[in-house]
C-alpha atoms as a PDB file:
ATOM      1  CA  MET A   1      -4.778   1.536 -20.151  1.00  0.00           C
ATOM      2  CA  GLU A   2      -3.237  -0.233 -17.220  1.00  0.00           C
ATOM      3  CA  ILE A   3      -5.349  -0.325 -14.053  1.00  0.00           C
ATOM      4  CA  ALA A   4      -2.497   0.921 -11.878  1.00  0.00           C
ATOM      5  CA  THR A   5      -2.221   4.057 -14.031  1.00  0.00           C
ATOM      6  CA  VAL A   6      -5.922   4.667 -13.927  1.00  0.00           C
ATOM      7  CA  ALA A   7      -6.004   4.238 -10.130  1.00  0.00           C
ATOM      8  CA  ARG A   8      -2.966   6.420  -9.246  1.00  0.00           C
ATOM      9  CA  PRO A   9      -4.614   9.897  -9.418  1.00  0.00           C
ATOM     10  CA  TYR A  10      -7.516   8.745  -7.296  1.00  0.00           C
ATOM     11  CA  ALA A  11      -5.225   7.175  -4.706  1.00  0.00           C
ATOM     12  CA  GLU A  12      -3.016  10.214  -4.595  1.00  0.00           C
ATOM     13  CA  ALA A  13      -5.994  12.557  -4.234  1.00  0.00           C
ATOM     14  CA  LEU A  14      -7.518  10.513  -1.404  1.00  0.00           C
ATOM     15  CA  PHE A  15      -4.128  10.278   0.312  1.00  0.00           C
ATOM     16  CA  GLN A  16      -3.788  14.117   0.258  1.00  0.00           C
ATOM     17  CA  ILE A  17      -7.261  14.416   1.891  1.00  0.00           C
ATOM     18  CA  ALA A  18      -6.390  11.746   4.408  1.00  0.00           C
ATOM     19  CA  GLN A  19      -3.142  13.433   5.407  1.00  0.00           C
ATOM     20  CA  LYS A  20      -5.024  16.641   6.210  1.00  0.00           C
ATOM     21  CA  GLU A  21      -7.615  14.851   8.210  1.00  0.00           C
ATOM     22  CA  ASP A  22      -7.355  11.329   9.729  1.00  0.00           C
ATOM     23  CA  LEU A  23      -5.031   8.956   7.856  1.00  0.00           C
ATOM     24  CA  LEU A  24      -6.011   5.902   9.904  1.00  0.00           C
ATOM     25  CA  HIS A  25      -9.792   6.555   9.456  1.00  0.00           C
ATOM     26  CA  TRP A  26      -9.364   7.039   5.722  1.00  0.00           C
ATOM     27  CA  SER A  27      -7.194   3.945   5.397  1.00  0.00           C
ATOM     28  CA  LYS A  28      -9.889   1.754   7.062  1.00  0.00           C
ATOM     29  CA  LEU A  29     -12.562   3.420   4.968  1.00  0.00           C
ATOM     30  CA  VAL A  30     -10.761   2.957   1.652  1.00  0.00           C
ATOM     31  CA  ASP A  31     -10.050  -0.668   2.553  1.00  0.00           C
ATOM     32  CA  ALA A  32     -13.696  -1.276   3.385  1.00  0.00           C
ATOM     33  CA  LEU A  33     -14.921   0.408   0.172  1.00  0.00           C
ATOM     34  CA  ALA A  34     -12.494  -1.737  -1.862  1.00  0.00           C
ATOM     35  CA  LYS A  35     -13.746  -4.962  -0.278  1.00  0.00           C
ATOM     36  CA  ILE A  36     -17.371  -4.020  -1.000  1.00  0.00           C
ATOM     37  CA  ALA A  37     -16.480  -2.958  -4.604  1.00  0.00           C
ATOM     38  CA  SER A  38     -14.873  -6.330  -5.151  1.00  0.00           C
ATOM     39  CA  ASN A  39     -18.297  -8.039  -4.782  1.00  0.00           C
ATOM     40  CA  PRO A  40     -19.560  -9.128  -8.191  1.00  0.00           C
ATOM     41  CA  GLN A  41     -23.097  -7.978  -7.399  1.00  0.00           C
ATOM     42  CA  VAL A  42     -21.821  -4.466  -6.609  1.00  0.00           C
ATOM     43  CA  LEU A  43     -19.874  -4.437  -9.882  1.00  0.00           C
ATOM     44  CA  ASP A  44     -23.035  -5.579 -11.734  1.00  0.00           C
ATOM     45  CA  VAL A  45     -24.918  -2.548 -10.349  1.00  0.00           C
ATOM     46  CA  ALA A  46     -22.025  -0.213 -11.117  1.00  0.00           C
ATOM     47  CA  ASN A  47     -21.723  -1.431 -14.683  1.00  0.00           C
ATOM     48  CA  ASN A  48     -25.408  -1.760 -15.451  1.00  0.00           C
ATOM     49  CA  PRO A  49     -26.028   0.081 -18.708  1.00  0.00           C
ATOM     50  CA  THR A  50     -29.768   0.431 -18.008  1.00  0.00           C
ATOM     51  CA  LEU A  51     -29.157   2.627 -14.946  1.00  0.00           C
ATOM     52  CA  ARG A  52     -28.345   6.309 -15.087  1.00  0.00           C
ATOM     53  CA  LYS A  53     -25.190   7.458 -13.272  1.00  0.00           C
ATOM     54  CA  ASP A  54     -27.221   9.117 -10.480  1.00  0.00           C
ATOM     55  CA  GLN A  55     -29.112   5.860  -9.931  1.00  0.00           C
ATOM     56  CA  VAL A  56     -25.878   3.923  -9.715  1.00  0.00           C
ATOM     57  CA  ALA A  57     -24.376   6.502  -7.317  1.00  0.00           C
ATOM     58  CA  ASN A  58     -27.509   6.426  -5.097  1.00  0.00           C
ATOM     59  CA  ALA A  59     -27.408   2.636  -5.003  1.00  0.00           C
ATOM     60  CA  LEU A  60     -23.699   2.662  -4.066  1.00  0.00           C
ATOM     61  CA  TYR A  61     -24.246   5.335  -1.325  1.00  0.00           C
ATOM     62  CA  THR A  62     -26.607   2.822   0.286  1.00  0.00           C
ATOM     63  CA  VAL A  63     -24.227  -0.142  -0.227  1.00  0.00           C
ATOM     64  CA  PHE A  64     -21.227   1.808   1.076  1.00  0.00           C
ATOM     65  CA  ARG A  65     -23.336   3.351   3.881  1.00  0.00           C
ATOM     66  CA  CYS A  66     -21.999   6.811   3.185  1.00  0.00           C
ATOM     67  CA  GLU A  67     -25.204   8.799   2.906  1.00  0.00           C
ATOM     68  CA  ASN A  68     -24.129  11.052   5.760  1.00  0.00           C
ATOM     69  CA  ASP A  69     -20.538  11.585   4.707  1.00  0.00           C
ATOM     70  CA  PRO A  70     -20.276  14.211   1.991  1.00  0.00           C
ATOM     71  CA  GLN A  71     -16.614  13.526   1.177  1.00  0.00           C
ATOM     72  CA  VAL A  72     -17.121   9.810   0.740  1.00  0.00           C
ATOM     73  CA  LYS A  73     -20.298  10.496  -1.300  1.00  0.00           C
ATOM     74  CA  ASN A  74     -18.342  12.841  -3.505  1.00  0.00           C
ATOM     75  CA  PHE A  75     -15.601  10.285  -4.002  1.00  0.00           C
ATOM     76  CA  VAL A  76     -18.141   7.590  -4.927  1.00  0.00           C
ATOM     77  CA  LYS A  77     -19.864  10.018  -7.347  1.00  0.00           C
ATOM     78  CA  VAL A  78     -16.590  10.765  -9.040  1.00  0.00           C
ATOM     79  CA  LEU A  79     -15.855   7.032  -9.410  1.00  0.00           C
ATOM     80  CA  VAL A  80     -19.353   6.365 -10.820  1.00  0.00           C
ATOM     81  CA  ASP A  81     -19.209   9.376 -13.195  1.00  0.00           C
ATOM     82  CA  ASN A  82     -15.876   8.169 -14.599  1.00  0.00           C
ATOM     83  CA  ASP A  83     -16.790   4.447 -14.653  1.00  0.00           C
ATOM     84  CA  ARG A  84     -14.031   3.601 -12.097  1.00  0.00           C
ATOM     85  CA  VAL A  85     -15.840   1.648  -9.350  1.00  0.00           C
ATOM     86  CA  SER A  86     -14.100  -1.514 -10.498  1.00  0.00           C
ATOM     87  CA  VAL A  87     -10.724   0.200  -9.936  1.00  0.00           C
ATOM     88  CA  LEU A  88     -11.457   0.721  -6.233  1.00  0.00           C
ATOM     89  CA  PRO A  89      -9.382  -2.307  -5.037  1.00  0.00           C
ATOM     90  CA  GLU A  90      -6.325  -0.941  -6.908  1.00  0.00           C
ATOM     91  CA  ILE A  91      -6.968   2.545  -5.537  1.00  0.00           C
ATOM     92  CA  ALA A  92      -6.967   1.065  -2.047  1.00  0.00           C
ATOM     93  CA  ARG A  93      -3.736  -0.850  -2.708  1.00  0.00           C
ATOM     94  CA  GLN A  94      -1.963   2.263  -3.910  1.00  0.00           C
ATOM     95  CA  PHE A  95      -3.406   4.327  -1.098  1.00  0.00           C
ATOM     96  CA  ASP A  96      -1.996   1.830   1.348  1.00  0.00           C
ATOM     97  CA  GLU A  97       1.422   1.993  -0.340  1.00  0.00           C
ATOM     98  CA  LEU A  98       1.355   5.837  -0.081  1.00  0.00           C
ATOM     99  CA  LYS A  99       0.397   5.589   3.613  1.00  0.00           C
ATOM    100  CA  ASN A 100       3.100   3.071   4.352  1.00  0.00           C
ATOM    101  CA  ALA A 101       5.718   5.069   2.474  1.00  0.00           C
ATOM    102  CA  SER A 102       4.785   8.230   4.342  1.00  0.00           C
ATOM    103  CA  GLN A 103       5.415   6.263   7.598  1.00  0.00           C
ATOM    104  CA  GLY A 104       8.752   4.810   6.313  1.00  0.00           C
ATOM    105  CA  ALA A 105       7.203   1.314   5.985  1.00  0.00           C
ATOM    106  CA  ALA A 106       6.477  -1.139   3.235  1.00  0.00           C
ATOM    107  CA  VAL A 107       4.479  -4.363   2.870  1.00  0.00           C
ATOM    108  CA  ALA A 108       6.699  -7.435   2.671  1.00  0.00           C
ATOM    109  CA  THR A 109       5.003 -10.419   1.079  1.00  0.00           C
ATOM    110  CA  ILE A 110       6.670 -13.501   2.603  1.00  0.00           C
ATOM    111  CA  VAL A 111       5.897 -16.745   0.801  1.00  0.00           C
ATOM    112  CA  SER A 112       7.114 -19.786   2.746  1.00  0.00           C
ATOM    113  CA  ALA A 113       7.197 -23.408   1.802  1.00  0.00           C
ATOM    114  CA  PHE A 114       5.736 -24.258   5.267  1.00  0.00           C
ATOM    115  CA  PRO A 115       3.560 -22.445   7.775  1.00  0.00           C
ATOM    116  CA  MET A 116       5.461 -20.068  10.010  1.00  0.00           C
ATOM    117  CA  THR A 117       4.801 -19.383  13.733  1.00  0.00           C
ATOM    118  CA  GLU A 118       4.315 -15.813  14.968  1.00  0.00           C
ATOM    119  CA  VAL A 119       7.745 -15.957  16.588  1.00  0.00           C
ATOM    120  CA  GLN A 120       9.458 -17.212  13.371  1.00  0.00           C
ATOM    121  CA  THR A 121       7.697 -14.507  11.369  1.00  0.00           C
ATOM    122  CA  GLN A 122       8.740 -11.757  13.777  1.00  0.00           C
ATOM    123  CA  GLU A 123      12.427 -12.943  13.807  1.00  0.00           C
ATOM    124  CA  LEU A 124      12.409 -13.023  10.013  1.00  0.00           C
ATOM    125  CA  VAL A 125      10.856  -9.565   9.726  1.00  0.00           C
ATOM    126  CA  THR A 126      13.519  -8.159  12.110  1.00  0.00           C
ATOM    127  CA  LYS A 127      16.240  -9.531   9.805  1.00  0.00           C
ATOM    128  CA  LEU A 128      14.468  -8.350   6.642  1.00  0.00           C
ATOM    129  CA  GLU A 129      14.004  -4.826   8.093  1.00  0.00           C
ATOM    130  CA  LYS A 130      17.758  -4.561   8.442  1.00  0.00           C
ATOM    131  CA  ARG A 131      18.293  -5.923   4.858  1.00  0.00           C
ATOM    132  CA  PHE A 132      15.649  -3.598   3.254  1.00  0.00           C
ATOM    133  CA  GLY A 133      16.370  -0.657   5.539  1.00  0.00           C
ATOM    134  CA  ARG A 134      12.772   0.144   6.495  1.00  0.00           C
ATOM    135  CA  LYS A 135       9.908  -1.006   8.665  1.00  0.00           C
ATOM    136  CA  LEU A 136       8.064  -3.974   7.085  1.00  0.00           C
ATOM    137  CA  ILE A 137       4.502  -5.051   7.400  1.00  0.00           C
ATOM    138  CA  PRO A 138       4.498  -8.818   6.820  1.00  0.00           C
ATOM    139  CA  GLN A 139       1.861 -10.654   4.732  1.00  0.00           C
ATOM    140  CA  VAL A 140       2.697 -14.344   5.041  1.00  0.00           C
ATOM    141  CA  GLU A 141       1.510 -16.940   2.463  1.00  0.00           C
ATOM    142  CA  VAL A 142       2.313 -20.658   2.153  1.00  0.00           C
ATOM    143  CA  ASP A 143       3.319 -22.225  -1.145  1.00  0.00           C
ATOM    144  CA  SER A 144       4.554 -25.809  -0.894  1.00  0.00           C
ATOM    145  CA  SER A 145       5.897 -25.657  -4.508  1.00  0.00           C
ATOM    146  CA  LEU A 146       8.845 -23.645  -3.120  1.00  0.00           C
ATOM    147  CA  ILE A 147       9.962 -27.017  -1.674  1.00  0.00           C
ATOM    148  CA  GLY A 148      11.793 -25.178   1.106  1.00  0.00           C
ATOM    149  CA  GLY A 149      12.833 -21.689   2.131  1.00  0.00           C
ATOM    150  CA  ILE A 150      11.137 -18.345   1.466  1.00  0.00           C
ATOM    151  CA  LEU A 151      10.451 -15.849  -1.276  1.00  0.00           C
ATOM    152  CA  VAL A 152      10.163 -12.221  -0.076  1.00  0.00           C
ATOM    153  CA  THR A 153       8.776  -9.357  -2.181  1.00  0.00           C
ATOM    154  CA  VAL A 154       9.032  -5.775  -0.980  1.00  0.00           C
ATOM    155  CA  GLY A 155       7.790  -3.336  -3.597  1.00  0.00           C
ATOM    156  CA  ASP A 156       9.683  -4.277  -6.751  1.00  0.00           C
ATOM    157  CA  GLU A 157      12.493  -6.011  -4.909  1.00  0.00           C
ATOM    158  CA  VAL A 158      12.542  -9.802  -4.728  1.00  0.00           C
ATOM    159  CA  LEU A 159      14.671 -11.941  -2.379  1.00  0.00           C
ATOM    160  CA  ASP A 160      14.410 -15.610  -3.419  1.00  0.00           C
ATOM    161  CA  LEU A 161      15.792 -17.966  -0.808  1.00  0.00           C
ATOM    162  CA  SER A 162      13.632 -20.843  -1.844  1.00  0.00           C
ATOM    163  CA  VAL A 163      14.879 -24.308  -2.803  1.00  0.00           C
ATOM    164  CA  ARG A 164      12.899 -24.058  -6.063  1.00  0.00           C
ATOM    165  CA  GLY A 165      14.696 -20.741  -6.850  1.00  0.00           C
ATOM    166  CA  LYS A 166      18.119 -22.276  -6.148  1.00  0.00           C
ATOM    167  CA  LEU A 167      17.334 -25.241  -8.343  1.00  0.00           C
ATOM    168  CA  GLN A 168      16.228 -22.913 -11.169  1.00  0.00           C
ATOM    169  CA  ARG A 169      19.401 -20.870 -10.836  1.00  0.00           C
ATOM    170  CA  MET A 170      21.521 -24.090 -10.929  1.00  0.00           C
ATOM    171  CA  GLN A 171      19.657 -25.281 -13.998  1.00  0.00           C
ATOM    172  CA  GLU A 172      20.249 -21.928 -15.774  1.00  0.00           C
ATOM    173  CA  THR A 173      23.973 -22.111 -14.899  1.00  0.00           C
ATOM    174  CA  LEU A 174      24.264 -25.693 -16.176  1.00  0.00           C
ATOM    175  CA  VAL A 175      22.397 -24.932 -19.410  1.00  0.00           C
ATOM    176  CA  SER A 176      24.398 -21.832 -20.293  1.00  0.00           C
END
């Protein structure tokens, strides 16, 4: 089964709880849990076949520092009981998407051939927000293989304004 499909019900359940309580607090918490769960040593403990589920849960309560938070403990216990600790990074990603969508925003992954200044990024984001019709949260990466230009991904929409992309489209046109 695809990891996104497995993570979806957990992300949606967490999001419902977060909306009723404190969305920002839960967002930070889920992000922190995902970073910790990405650690290979944490995954080794979570996937250790010699440990009982309650032992794994107790170890993770300590690692996640959630001994005094019954909701987080319950969430961790559910993940352990269902062998889903390794899915936590995807749960956090989907939770973030739900949070952004509820606020009318989306993450825009901007891949540039060259490093961009803060001013350039902000000017680009302003133009992209008009094009995509929503508030964008930029995540900028540099990939020199683009040769020049940018590649923007917002959800499942891709805007390829790179030199590499233009060359590929020209080649496809010439070959066909």
